[in-house]
């Protein structure tokens, strides 16, 4: 959680608790830097308590979501591609199975034939929302690249450098459903 989010969360929590306590005691409360005069009706007390409860719930929303995802993570999918042959200077695109939820995507080069020394590929992880802004790295056999991608139709691109001979590659991509 960022410092700004933590500050907002703490402010919502403090204001929410203030509203709930003020509703219980009927107003006339000064605390947490807030001040509220006496409440004239039970309806106002109930409305203030409900409002305070909503503020407390919003202050805890991010923590609740993180806890829920830790307890019940999205299913992981491993997609395997290859073996396929890439000619020197060739780029090949591999659409991923549609991601229902955003999350971490990791692509790993399983094998390159002919193997090292020197035969490496450039691997791009491309978001469906920003196709021109792809994280990319030069990878050899057994190396990986990872990035967090949004839900949608994301793509992995593999490029064989012009100095490479024709190479046969197999790779896997792990991501959430």
C-alpha atoms as a PDB file:
ATOM      1  CA  UNK A   1       0.000   0.000   0.000  1.00  0.00           C
ATOM      2  CA  UNK A   2       1.394   3.408  -0.953  1.00  0.00           C
ATOM      3  CA  UNK A   3       1.877   6.188   1.608  1.00  0.00           C
ATOM      4  CA  UNK A   4      -0.981   8.180   0.037  1.00  0.00           C
ATOM      5  CA  UNK A   5      -3.318   5.180   0.191  1.00  0.00           C
ATOM      6  CA  UNK A   6      -2.340   4.488   3.806  1.00  0.00           C
ATOM      7  CA  UNK A   7      -3.002   8.121   4.755  1.00  0.00           C
ATOM      8  CA  UNK A   8      -6.403   8.070   3.031  1.00  0.00           C
ATOM      9  CA  UNK A   9      -7.230   4.726   4.653  1.00  0.00           C
ATOM     10  CA  UNK A  10      -6.289   6.034   8.107  1.00  0.00           C
ATOM     11  CA  UNK A  11      -8.299   9.241   7.567  1.00  0.00           C
ATOM     12  CA  UNK A  12     -11.376   7.270   6.518  1.00  0.00           C
ATOM     13  CA  UNK A  13     -10.962   4.949   9.497  1.00  0.00           C
ATOM     14  CA  UNK A  14     -10.611   7.864  11.962  1.00  0.00           C
ATOM     15  CA  UNK A  15     -13.580   9.766  10.525  1.00  0.00           C
ATOM     16  CA  UNK A  16     -15.691   6.590  10.401  1.00  0.00           C
ATOM     17  CA  UNK A  17     -14.965   5.737  14.045  1.00  0.00           C
ATOM     18  CA  UNK A  18     -15.656   9.353  15.039  1.00  0.00           C
ATOM     19  CA  UNK A  19     -19.066   9.216  13.294  1.00  0.00           C
ATOM     20  CA  UNK A  20     -19.962   5.893  14.916  1.00  0.00           C
ATOM     21  CA  UNK A  21     -19.012   7.064  18.434  1.00  0.00           C
ATOM     22  CA  UNK A  22     -20.793  10.408  17.892  1.00  0.00           C
ATOM     23  CA  UNK A  23     -23.934   8.554  16.806  1.00  0.00           C
ATOM     24  CA  UNK A  24     -23.817   6.338  19.895  1.00  0.00           C
ATOM     25  CA  UNK A  25     -23.409   9.224  22.351  1.00  0.00           C
ATOM     26  CA  UNK A  26     -25.856  11.510  20.510  1.00  0.00           C
ATOM     27  CA  UNK A  27     -23.365  14.064  19.226  1.00  0.00           C
ATOM     28  CA  UNK A  28     -21.639  16.800  21.148  1.00  0.00           C
ATOM     29  CA  UNK A  29     -18.282  15.149  20.457  1.00  0.00           C
ATOM     30  CA  UNK A  30     -14.831  16.554  19.718  1.00  0.00           C
ATOM     31  CA  UNK A  31     -12.090  14.070  18.815  1.00  0.00           C
ATOM     32  CA  UNK A  32      -9.526  13.124  16.121  1.00  0.00           C
ATOM     33  CA  UNK A  33      -9.548  16.798  15.036  1.00  0.00           C
ATOM     34  CA  UNK A  34     -13.282  16.644  14.229  1.00  0.00           C
ATOM     35  CA  UNK A  35     -16.129  18.327  16.084  1.00  0.00           C
ATOM     36  CA  UNK A  36     -19.860  17.548  15.975  1.00  0.00           C
ATOM     37  CA  UNK A  37     -22.670  19.308  17.829  1.00  0.00           C
ATOM     38  CA  UNK A  38     -25.556  17.487  19.551  1.00  0.00           C
ATOM     39  CA  UNK A  39     -27.824  15.422  17.259  1.00  0.00           C
ATOM     40  CA  UNK A  40     -31.497  16.407  17.411  1.00  0.00           C
ATOM     41  CA  UNK A  41     -33.076  13.087  16.346  1.00  0.00           C
ATOM     42  CA  UNK A  42     -32.612   9.334  16.454  1.00  0.00           C
ATOM     43  CA  UNK A  43     -32.834   9.269  12.631  1.00  0.00           C
ATOM     44  CA  UNK A  44     -29.753  11.465  12.412  1.00  0.00           C
ATOM     45  CA  UNK A  45     -27.929   9.239  14.886  1.00  0.00           C
ATOM     46  CA  UNK A  46     -28.770   6.129  12.837  1.00  0.00           C
ATOM     47  CA  UNK A  47     -27.759   7.842   9.569  1.00  0.00           C
ATOM     48  CA  UNK A  48     -24.478   9.026  11.127  1.00  0.00           C
ATOM     49  CA  UNK A  49     -23.727   5.524  12.444  1.00  0.00           C
ATOM     50  CA  UNK A  50     -24.413   3.961   9.027  1.00  0.00           C
ATOM     51  CA  UNK A  51     -22.233   6.594   7.352  1.00  0.00           C
ATOM     52  CA  UNK A  52     -19.433   5.895   9.839  1.00  0.00           C
ATOM     53  CA  UNK A  53     -19.726   2.150   9.200  1.00  0.00           C
ATOM     54  CA  UNK A  54     -19.423   2.752   5.445  1.00  0.00           C
ATOM     55  CA  UNK A  55     -16.298   4.887   5.955  1.00  0.00           C
ATOM     56  CA  UNK A  56     -14.703   2.191   8.148  1.00  0.00           C
ATOM     57  CA  UNK A  57     -15.522  -0.446   5.504  1.00  0.00           C
ATOM     58  CA  UNK A  58     -13.966   1.670   2.740  1.00  0.00           C
ATOM     59  CA  UNK A  59     -10.840   2.214   4.848  1.00  0.00           C
ATOM     60  CA  UNK A  60     -10.336  -1.554   5.065  1.00  0.00           C
ATOM     61  CA  UNK A  61     -11.269  -2.400   1.446  1.00  0.00           C
ATOM     62  CA  UNK A  62      -7.714  -2.794   0.075  1.00  0.00           C
ATOM     63  CA  UNK A  63      -6.648  -4.937   3.041  1.00  0.00           C
ATOM     64  CA  UNK A  64      -9.724  -7.129   2.656  1.00  0.00           C
ATOM     65  CA  UNK A  65      -9.079  -7.618  -1.078  1.00  0.00           C
ATOM     66  CA  UNK A  66      -5.390  -8.487  -0.512  1.00  0.00           C
ATOM     67  CA  UNK A  67      -6.326 -10.971   2.236  1.00  0.00           C
ATOM     68  CA  UNK A  68      -9.046 -12.542   0.068  1.00  0.00           C
ATOM     69  CA  UNK A  69      -6.661 -12.970  -2.887  1.00  0.00           C
ATOM     70  CA  UNK A  70      -4.020 -14.527  -0.612  1.00  0.00           C
ATOM     71  CA  UNK A  71      -6.563 -17.022   0.739  1.00  0.00           C
ATOM     72  CA  UNK A  72      -8.228 -17.748  -2.624  1.00  0.00           C
ATOM     73  CA  UNK A  73      -5.739 -17.032  -5.436  1.00  0.00           C
ATOM     74  CA  UNK A  74      -6.801 -17.117  -9.055  1.00  0.00           C
ATOM     75  CA  UNK A  75      -5.965 -20.389 -10.825  1.00  0.00           C
ATOM     76  CA  UNK A  76      -2.581 -20.496 -12.546  1.00  0.00           C
ATOM     77  CA  UNK A  77      -2.341 -21.523 -16.196  1.00  0.00           C
ATOM     78  CA  UNK A  78       0.833 -22.774 -17.870  1.00  0.00           C
ATOM     79  CA  UNK A  79       0.799 -22.548 -21.657  1.00  0.00           C
ATOM     80  CA  UNK A  80       3.517 -24.377 -23.610  1.00  0.00           C
ATOM     81  CA  UNK A  81       4.612 -23.296 -27.089  1.00  0.00           C
ATOM     82  CA  UNK A  82       6.896 -25.075 -29.528  1.00  0.00           C
ATOM     83  CA  UNK A  83       9.041 -26.499 -30.691  1.00  0.00           C
ATOM     84  CA  UNK A  84       8.952 -23.989 -33.524  1.00  0.00           C
ATOM     85  CA  UNK A  85      11.610 -22.677 -35.854  1.00  0.00           C
ATOM     86  CA  UNK A  86      12.456 -18.987 -36.128  1.00  0.00           C
ATOM     87  CA  UNK A  87      14.484 -17.676 -39.047  1.00  0.00           C
ATOM     88  CA  UNK A  88      17.088 -14.932 -38.513  1.00  0.00           C
ATOM     89  CA  UNK A  89      15.318 -11.582 -37.946  1.00  0.00           C
ATOM     90  CA  UNK A  90      11.864 -13.208 -37.571  1.00  0.00           C
ATOM     91  CA  UNK A  91       9.347 -12.182 -34.924  1.00  0.00           C
ATOM     92  CA  UNK A  92       6.482 -14.482 -33.938  1.00  0.00           C
ATOM     93  CA  UNK A  93       3.416 -13.530 -31.839  1.00  0.00           C
ATOM     94  CA  UNK A  94       1.709 -15.893 -29.404  1.00  0.00           C
ATOM     95  CA  UNK A  95      -1.675 -14.786 -28.041  1.00  0.00           C
ATOM     96  CA  UNK A  96      -2.253 -15.923 -24.476  1.00  0.00           C
ATOM     97  CA  UNK A  97      -5.442 -17.527 -23.324  1.00  0.00           C
ATOM     98  CA  UNK A  98      -7.757 -14.643 -22.337  1.00  0.00           C
ATOM     99  CA  UNK A  99      -6.916 -13.479 -18.827  1.00  0.00           C
ATOM    100  CA  UNK A 100     -10.082 -12.889 -16.784  1.00  0.00           C
ATOM    101  CA  UNK A 101      -8.028 -11.231 -14.049  1.00  0.00           C
ATOM    102  CA  UNK A 102      -4.882  -9.177 -14.296  1.00  0.00           C
ATOM    103  CA  UNK A 103      -1.776 -10.608 -12.735  1.00  0.00           C
ATOM    104  CA  UNK A 104       1.789 -11.740 -13.066  1.00  0.00           C
ATOM    105  CA  UNK A 105       2.823 -13.225 -16.420  1.00  0.00           C
ATOM    106  CA  UNK A 106       6.131 -15.107 -16.674  1.00  0.00           C
ATOM    107  CA  UNK A 107       7.642 -16.416 -19.918  1.00  0.00           C
ATOM    108  CA  UNK A 108      10.521 -18.911 -19.748  1.00  0.00           C
ATOM    109  CA  UNK A 109      12.698 -20.133 -22.616  1.00  0.00           C
ATOM    110  CA  UNK A 110      12.694 -23.925 -22.169  1.00  0.00           C
ATOM    111  CA  UNK A 111      15.067 -24.780 -25.035  1.00  0.00           C
ATOM    112  CA  UNK A 112      16.893 -23.238 -27.999  1.00  0.00           C
ATOM    113  CA  UNK A 113      18.459 -25.423 -30.688  1.00  0.00           C
ATOM    114  CA  UNK A 114      21.187 -24.980 -31.694  1.00  0.00           C
ATOM    115  CA  UNK A 115      21.936 -24.052 -28.114  1.00  0.00           C
ATOM    116  CA  UNK A 116      24.392 -21.664 -26.555  1.00  0.00           C
ATOM    117  CA  UNK A 117      26.846 -20.131 -26.753  1.00  0.00           C
ATOM    118  CA  UNK A 118      25.346 -16.954 -28.089  1.00  0.00           C
ATOM    119  CA  UNK A 119      21.900 -17.907 -29.329  1.00  0.00           C
ATOM    120  CA  UNK A 120      19.491 -15.697 -27.466  1.00  0.00           C
ATOM    121  CA  UNK A 121      16.063 -14.320 -28.282  1.00  0.00           C
ATOM    122  CA  UNK A 122      14.256 -11.095 -27.411  1.00  0.00           C
ATOM    123  CA  UNK A 123      10.998 -11.841 -25.564  1.00  0.00           C
ATOM    124  CA  UNK A 124       8.221  -9.234 -25.292  1.00  0.00           C
ATOM    125  CA  UNK A 125       5.278  -9.307 -22.836  1.00  0.00           C
ATOM    126  CA  UNK A 126       2.564  -7.117 -24.361  1.00  0.00           C
ATOM    127  CA  UNK A 127      -0.587  -5.818 -22.706  1.00  0.00           C
ATOM    128  CA  UNK A 128      -3.897  -5.783 -24.537  1.00  0.00           C
ATOM    129  CA  UNK A 129      -4.453  -2.231 -23.239  1.00  0.00           C
ATOM    130  CA  UNK A 130      -1.083  -0.781 -24.332  1.00  0.00           C
ATOM    131  CA  UNK A 131       0.213  -2.963 -27.189  1.00  0.00           C
ATOM    132  CA  UNK A 132       3.082  -0.603 -28.029  1.00  0.00           C
ATOM    133  CA  UNK A 133       4.446  -0.604 -24.467  1.00  0.00           C
ATOM    134  CA  UNK A 134       5.862  -4.106 -24.041  1.00  0.00           C
ATOM    135  CA  UNK A 135       8.315  -5.149 -21.366  1.00  0.00           C
ATOM    136  CA  UNK A 136      11.133  -6.998 -23.119  1.00  0.00           C
ATOM    137  CA  UNK A 137      14.421  -8.710 -22.367  1.00  0.00           C
ATOM    138  CA  UNK A 138      17.069 -10.660 -24.199  1.00  0.00           C
ATOM    139  CA  UNK A 139      16.873 -14.241 -22.920  1.00  0.00           C
ATOM    140  CA  UNK A 140      18.825 -17.442 -23.295  1.00  0.00           C
ATOM    141  CA  UNK A 141      17.821 -20.982 -22.414  1.00  0.00           C
ATOM    142  CA  UNK A 142      16.347 -21.360 -18.925  1.00  0.00           C
ATOM    143  CA  UNK A 143      15.869 -17.608 -18.387  1.00  0.00           C
ATOM    144  CA  UNK A 144      12.561 -15.835 -17.708  1.00  0.00           C
ATOM    145  CA  UNK A 145      10.868 -12.458 -17.999  1.00  0.00           C
ATOM    146  CA  UNK A 146       7.920 -11.387 -15.827  1.00  0.00           C
ATOM    147  CA  UNK A 147       5.497  -8.487 -15.754  1.00  0.00           C
ATOM    148  CA  UNK A 148       2.070  -7.688 -14.340  1.00  0.00           C
ATOM    149  CA  UNK A 149      -0.473  -7.480 -17.156  1.00  0.00           C
ATOM    150  CA  UNK A 150      -4.136  -6.394 -17.047  1.00  0.00           C
ATOM    151  CA  UNK A 151      -7.125  -8.602 -17.844  1.00  0.00           C
ATOM    152  CA  UNK A 152      -7.685  -9.175 -21.548  1.00  0.00           C
ATOM    153  CA  UNK A 153      -6.041 -10.593 -24.644  1.00  0.00           C
ATOM    154  CA  UNK A 154      -2.327 -10.290 -23.896  1.00  0.00           C
ATOM    155  CA  UNK A 155       0.470 -11.417 -26.229  1.00  0.00           C
ATOM    156  CA  UNK A 156       4.010 -12.802 -26.004  1.00  0.00           C
ATOM    157  CA  UNK A 157       6.299 -11.940 -28.941  1.00  0.00           C
ATOM    158  CA  UNK A 158       9.563 -13.779 -29.632  1.00  0.00           C
ATOM    159  CA  UNK A 159      12.217 -12.224 -31.876  1.00  0.00           C
ATOM    160  CA  UNK A 160      15.249 -14.039 -33.270  1.00  0.00           C
ATOM    161  CA  UNK A 161      18.176 -11.723 -33.899  1.00  0.00           C
ATOM    162  CA  UNK A 162      19.466 -11.391 -37.461  1.00  0.00           C
ATOM    163  CA  UNK A 163      22.851 -12.769 -36.351  1.00  0.00           C
ATOM    164  CA  UNK A 164      21.277 -16.012 -35.070  1.00  0.00           C
ATOM    165  CA  UNK A 165      21.155 -19.063 -37.306  1.00  0.00           C
ATOM    166  CA  UNK A 166      17.683 -20.576 -37.747  1.00  0.00           C
ATOM    167  CA  UNK A 167      16.721 -21.656 -34.204  1.00  0.00           C
ATOM    168  CA  UNK A 168      14.128 -24.036 -32.850  1.00  0.00           C
ATOM    169  CA  UNK A 169      12.645 -22.791 -29.594  1.00  0.00           C
ATOM    170  CA  UNK A 170      10.245 -24.079 -26.949  1.00  0.00           C
ATOM    171  CA  UNK A 171       8.954 -21.841 -24.190  1.00  0.00           C
ATOM    172  CA  UNK A 172       6.268 -21.702 -21.517  1.00  0.00           C
ATOM    173  CA  UNK A 173       4.133 -18.880 -20.176  1.00  0.00           C
ATOM    174  CA  UNK A 174       2.610 -18.939 -16.705  1.00  0.00           C
ATOM    175  CA  UNK A 175      -0.230 -16.565 -15.789  1.00  0.00           C
ATOM    176  CA  UNK A 176      -3.477 -16.290 -13.873  1.00  0.00           C
ATOM    177  CA  UNK A 177      -6.750 -17.326 -15.437  1.00  0.00           C
END
